[in-house]
Amino acid sequence: MKKASEGFIHAKSHTQNAQTVTDLKTLARTFVRLQDSRHIADYDDSRKWSRTEALSHIDEAAAAFEIWIAIRNETIAQDYLLSLLTGRS
């Protein structure tokens, strides 16, 4: 899923309107950041998280869900969703 998200972040051209593409790239970047943080939380016992950091990650996830709600019916968003399932971007 991370690889598919990175593919959408770096994709050069899309046929969707610019705002939808921008929103999707923001969503994909958020996914990658949160996935990286989850990986650290799961596997790095030396890393301590502050309440502020945890709440920041929750806010990021909430904002990503708001973006998804706004664009979920767009073709490019459906393509992204399919790429998350198949691993292809």
N, C-alpha and C. Protein backbone atom coordinates (compact mmCIF):
# COMPACT_ATOMS: atom_id res chain seq x y z
N MET A 1 0.82 -1.18 0.00
CA MET A 1 0.00 0.00 0.00
C MET A 1 0.88 1.26 0.00
N LYS A 2 1.98 1.18 0.74
CA LYS A 2 2.90 2.32 0.75
C LYS A 2 3.49 2.55 -0.64
N LYS A 3 3.89 1.48 -1.29
CA LYS A 3 4.47 1.59 -2.63
C LYS A 3 3.46 2.18 -3.62
N ALA A 4 2.22 1.74 -3.54
CA ALA A 4 1.18 2.28 -4.42
C ALA A 4 0.97 3.77 -4.14
N SER A 5 0.98 4.13 -2.87
CA SER A 5 0.81 5.54 -2.51
C SER A 5 1.97 6.38 -3.03
N GLU A 6 3.18 5.87 -2.90
CA GLU A 6 4.34 6.59 -3.42
C GLU A 6 4.25 6.75 -4.94
N GLY A 7 3.71 5.75 -5.61
CA GLY A 7 3.52 5.85 -7.05
C GLY A 7 2.59 6.99 -7.43
N PHE A 8 1.52 7.16 -6.66
CA PHE A 8 0.59 8.26 -6.94
C PHE A 8 1.21 9.61 -6.61
N ILE A 9 2.03 9.66 -5.58
CA ILE A 9 2.68 10.92 -5.22
C ILE A 9 3.56 11.41 -6.35
N HIS A 10 4.26 10.50 -7.00
CA HIS A 10 5.25 10.87 -8.02
C HIS A 10 4.72 10.80 -9.46
N ALA A 11 3.48 10.43 -9.63
CA ALA A 11 2.90 10.36 -10.98
C ALA A 11 2.92 11.76 -11.61
N LYS A 12 3.23 11.82 -12.88
CA LYS A 12 3.39 13.10 -13.56
C LYS A 12 2.11 13.70 -14.13
N SER A 13 1.28 12.86 -14.74
CA SER A 13 0.10 13.45 -15.37
C SER A 13 -1.15 12.65 -15.06
N HIS A 14 -2.21 13.37 -14.91
CA HIS A 14 -3.52 12.77 -14.66
C HIS A 14 -4.54 13.55 -15.48
N THR A 15 -5.63 12.89 -15.80
CA THR A 15 -6.67 13.55 -16.58
C THR A 15 -7.73 14.20 -15.70
N GLN A 16 -7.62 14.03 -14.39
CA GLN A 16 -8.57 14.64 -13.47
C GLN A 16 -8.23 16.11 -13.27
N ASN A 17 -9.17 16.85 -12.65
CA ASN A 17 -8.89 18.26 -12.41
C ASN A 17 -7.76 18.41 -11.38
N ALA A 18 -7.10 19.54 -11.43
CA ALA A 18 -5.90 19.76 -10.63
C ALA A 18 -6.16 19.64 -9.13
N GLN A 19 -7.30 20.12 -8.65
CA GLN A 19 -7.58 20.06 -7.21
C GLN A 19 -7.74 18.62 -6.74
N THR A 20 -8.39 17.80 -7.53
CA THR A 20 -8.56 16.39 -7.17
C THR A 20 -7.20 15.70 -7.11
N VAL A 21 -6.34 15.98 -8.07
CA VAL A 21 -5.00 15.39 -8.09
C VAL A 21 -4.22 15.85 -6.86
N THR A 22 -4.28 17.14 -6.55
CA THR A 22 -3.59 17.68 -5.38
C THR A 22 -4.09 17.02 -4.10
N ASP A 23 -5.41 16.90 -3.99
CA ASP A 23 -5.99 16.26 -2.80
C ASP A 23 -5.56 14.80 -2.68
N LEU A 24 -5.55 14.09 -3.78
CA LEU A 24 -5.15 12.69 -3.74
C LEU A 24 -3.67 12.55 -3.37
N LYS A 25 -2.84 13.42 -3.89
CA LYS A 25 -1.42 13.36 -3.54
C LYS A 25 -1.22 13.68 -2.06
N THR A 26 -2.00 14.61 -1.52
CA THR A 26 -1.94 14.90 -0.09
C THR A 26 -2.36 13.68 0.71
N LEU A 27 -3.41 13.03 0.28
CA LEU A 27 -3.87 11.81 0.94
C LEU A 27 -2.80 10.73 0.90
N ALA A 28 -2.19 10.54 -0.24
CA ALA A 28 -1.16 9.52 -0.39
C ALA A 28 0.07 9.84 0.47
N ARG A 29 0.47 11.10 0.51
CA ARG A 29 1.61 11.50 1.36
C ARG A 29 1.30 11.24 2.83
N THR A 30 0.09 11.54 3.22
CA THR A 30 -0.32 11.30 4.60
C THR A 30 -0.27 9.81 4.91
N PHE A 31 -0.75 9.00 3.98
CA PHE A 31 -0.70 7.56 4.19
C PHE A 31 0.74 7.09 4.41
N VAL A 32 1.65 7.57 3.58
CA VAL A 32 3.06 7.16 3.68
C VAL A 32 3.64 7.60 5.02
N ARG A 33 3.39 8.85 5.41
CA ARG A 33 3.91 9.35 6.70
C ARG A 33 3.36 8.53 7.87
N LEU A 34 2.07 8.28 7.84
CA LEU A 34 1.47 7.53 8.94
C LEU A 34 1.93 6.08 8.95
N GLN A 35 2.12 5.51 7.78
CA GLN A 35 2.63 4.14 7.70
C GLN A 35 4.05 4.06 8.26
N ASP A 36 4.88 5.04 7.92
CA ASP A 36 6.24 5.09 8.47
C ASP A 36 6.21 5.22 9.99
N SER A 37 5.34 6.07 10.49
CA SER A 37 5.24 6.24 11.94
C SER A 37 4.72 4.97 12.61
N ARG A 38 3.79 4.31 11.99
CA ARG A 38 3.28 3.06 12.55
C ARG A 38 4.38 2.01 12.61
N HIS A 39 5.19 1.98 11.57
CA HIS A 39 6.30 1.03 11.53
C HIS A 39 7.28 1.31 12.68
N ILE A 40 7.59 2.57 12.91
CA ILE A 40 8.47 2.94 14.02
C ILE A 40 7.83 2.55 15.34
N ALA A 41 6.57 2.85 15.51
CA ALA A 41 5.87 2.53 16.76
C ALA A 41 5.85 1.02 17.02
N ASP A 42 5.71 0.25 15.97
CA ASP A 42 5.65 -1.21 16.13
C ASP A 42 7.00 -1.85 16.40
N TYR A 43 8.07 -1.30 15.80
CA TYR A 43 9.34 -2.02 15.81
C TYR A 43 10.50 -1.32 16.51
N ASP A 44 10.36 -0.06 16.87
CA ASP A 44 11.47 0.65 17.53
C ASP A 44 11.10 0.89 18.99
N ASP A 45 11.54 -0.01 19.84
CA ASP A 45 11.23 0.09 21.27
C ASP A 45 11.89 1.28 21.94
N SER A 46 12.92 1.83 21.33
CA SER A 46 13.61 2.97 21.94
C SER A 46 12.86 4.28 21.70
N ARG A 47 11.96 4.29 20.76
CA ARG A 47 11.23 5.52 20.40
C ARG A 47 10.06 5.72 21.35
N LYS A 48 10.02 6.87 21.99
CA LYS A 48 8.91 7.23 22.88
C LYS A 48 8.08 8.32 22.21
N TRP A 49 6.79 8.15 22.22
CA TRP A 49 5.88 9.09 21.59
C TRP A 49 5.24 9.98 22.65
N SER A 50 5.20 11.26 22.35
CA SER A 50 4.52 12.19 23.26
C SER A 50 3.03 12.20 22.92
N ARG A 51 2.26 12.67 23.85
CA ARG A 51 0.82 12.81 23.62
C ARG A 51 0.57 13.75 22.44
N THR A 52 1.34 14.80 22.35
CA THR A 52 1.20 15.77 21.25
C THR A 52 1.46 15.10 19.91
N GLU A 53 2.50 14.29 19.84
CA GLU A 53 2.80 13.57 18.59
C GLU A 53 1.67 12.62 18.21
N ALA A 54 1.19 11.89 19.18
CA ALA A 54 0.10 10.94 18.92
C ALA A 54 -1.15 11.67 18.43
N LEU A 55 -1.48 12.76 19.09
CA LEU A 55 -2.66 13.53 18.68
C LEU A 55 -2.47 14.14 17.29
N SER A 56 -1.24 14.52 16.98
CA SER A 56 -0.95 15.05 15.64
C SER A 56 -1.20 13.98 14.57
N HIS A 57 -0.78 12.77 14.85
CA HIS A 57 -1.03 11.67 13.90
C HIS A 57 -2.53 11.40 13.74
N ILE A 58 -3.25 11.48 14.82
CA ILE A 58 -4.71 11.29 14.76
C ILE A 58 -5.33 12.39 13.91
N ASP A 59 -4.89 13.62 14.10
CA ASP A 59 -5.41 14.74 13.30
C ASP A 59 -5.08 14.55 11.82
N GLU A 60 -3.87 14.07 11.52
CA GLU A 60 -3.49 13.80 10.12
C GLU A 60 -4.42 12.76 9.50
N ALA A 61 -4.69 11.70 10.25
CA ALA A 61 -5.56 10.64 9.74
C ALA A 61 -6.97 11.18 9.52
N ALA A 62 -7.46 11.98 10.44
CA ALA A 62 -8.80 12.55 10.31
C ALA A 62 -8.89 13.44 9.07
N ALA A 63 -7.85 14.25 8.84
CA ALA A 63 -7.83 15.12 7.65
C ALA A 63 -7.80 14.28 6.37
N ALA A 64 -7.05 13.17 6.39
CA ALA A 64 -7.00 12.29 5.22
C ALA A 64 -8.38 11.70 4.92
N PHE A 65 -9.10 11.32 5.97
CA PHE A 65 -10.45 10.78 5.76
C PHE A 65 -11.38 11.85 5.19
N GLU A 66 -11.22 13.10 5.61
CA GLU A 66 -12.02 14.19 5.04
C GLU A 66 -11.73 14.36 3.55
N ILE A 67 -10.46 14.29 3.20
CA ILE A 67 -10.09 14.36 1.78
C ILE A 67 -10.73 13.21 1.02
N TRP A 68 -10.63 12.01 1.58
CA TRP A 68 -11.19 10.83 0.90
C TRP A 68 -12.68 11.00 0.66
N ILE A 69 -13.40 11.49 1.66
CA ILE A 69 -14.85 11.69 1.52
C ILE A 69 -15.14 12.64 0.36
N ALA A 70 -14.31 13.66 0.21
CA ALA A 70 -14.52 14.66 -0.85
C ALA A 70 -14.23 14.13 -2.24
N ILE A 71 -13.27 13.20 -2.36
CA ILE A 71 -12.84 12.78 -3.71
C ILE A 71 -13.14 11.32 -4.03
N ARG A 72 -13.72 10.59 -3.12
CA ARG A 72 -13.85 9.14 -3.28
C ARG A 72 -14.58 8.69 -4.54
N ASN A 73 -15.43 9.50 -5.10
CA ASN A 73 -16.17 9.10 -6.30
C ASN A 73 -15.48 9.49 -7.60
N GLU A 74 -14.34 10.16 -7.50
CA GLU A 74 -13.59 10.55 -8.69
C GLU A 74 -12.86 9.33 -9.25
N THR A 75 -12.70 9.30 -10.55
CA THR A 75 -12.03 8.17 -11.21
C THR A 75 -10.63 7.94 -10.66
N ILE A 76 -9.87 9.00 -10.50
CA ILE A 76 -8.50 8.86 -10.02
C ILE A 76 -8.47 8.29 -8.59
N ALA A 77 -9.45 8.66 -7.77
CA ALA A 77 -9.52 8.13 -6.41
C ALA A 77 -9.85 6.64 -6.44
N GLN A 78 -10.72 6.25 -7.34
CA GLN A 78 -11.04 4.83 -7.48
C GLN A 78 -9.83 4.05 -7.99
N ASP A 79 -9.07 4.66 -8.89
CA ASP A 79 -7.83 4.03 -9.37
C ASP A 79 -6.84 3.85 -8.22
N TYR A 80 -6.74 4.86 -7.38
CA TYR A 80 -5.86 4.79 -6.21
C TYR A 80 -6.29 3.66 -5.28
N LEU A 81 -7.57 3.60 -5.01
CA LEU A 81 -8.11 2.54 -4.15
C LEU A 81 -7.77 1.15 -4.72
N LEU A 82 -7.96 0.99 -6.01
CA LEU A 82 -7.62 -0.28 -6.65
C LEU A 82 -6.12 -0.56 -6.54
N SER A 83 -5.31 0.46 -6.67
CA SER A 83 -3.86 0.25 -6.56
C SER A 83 -3.46 -0.19 -5.14
N LEU A 84 -4.18 0.27 -4.15
CA LEU A 84 -3.90 -0.16 -2.78
C LEU A 84 -4.17 -1.65 -2.61
N LEU A 85 -5.16 -2.14 -3.33
CA LEU A 85 -5.51 -3.55 -3.24
C LEU A 85 -4.58 -4.44 -4.07
N THR A 86 -4.12 -3.92 -5.20
CA THR A 86 -3.32 -4.73 -6.12
C THR A 86 -1.82 -4.50 -5.98
N GLY A 87 -1.44 -3.38 -5.35
CA GLY A 87 -0.03 -3.06 -5.23
C GLY A 87 0.58 -2.43 -6.47
N ARG A 88 -0.24 -2.08 -7.41
CA ARG A 88 0.23 -1.44 -8.65
C ARG A 88 -0.24 0.00 -8.68
N SER A 89 0.67 0.90 -9.06
CA SER A 89 0.27 2.31 -9.14
C SER A 89 0.17 2.76 -10.57
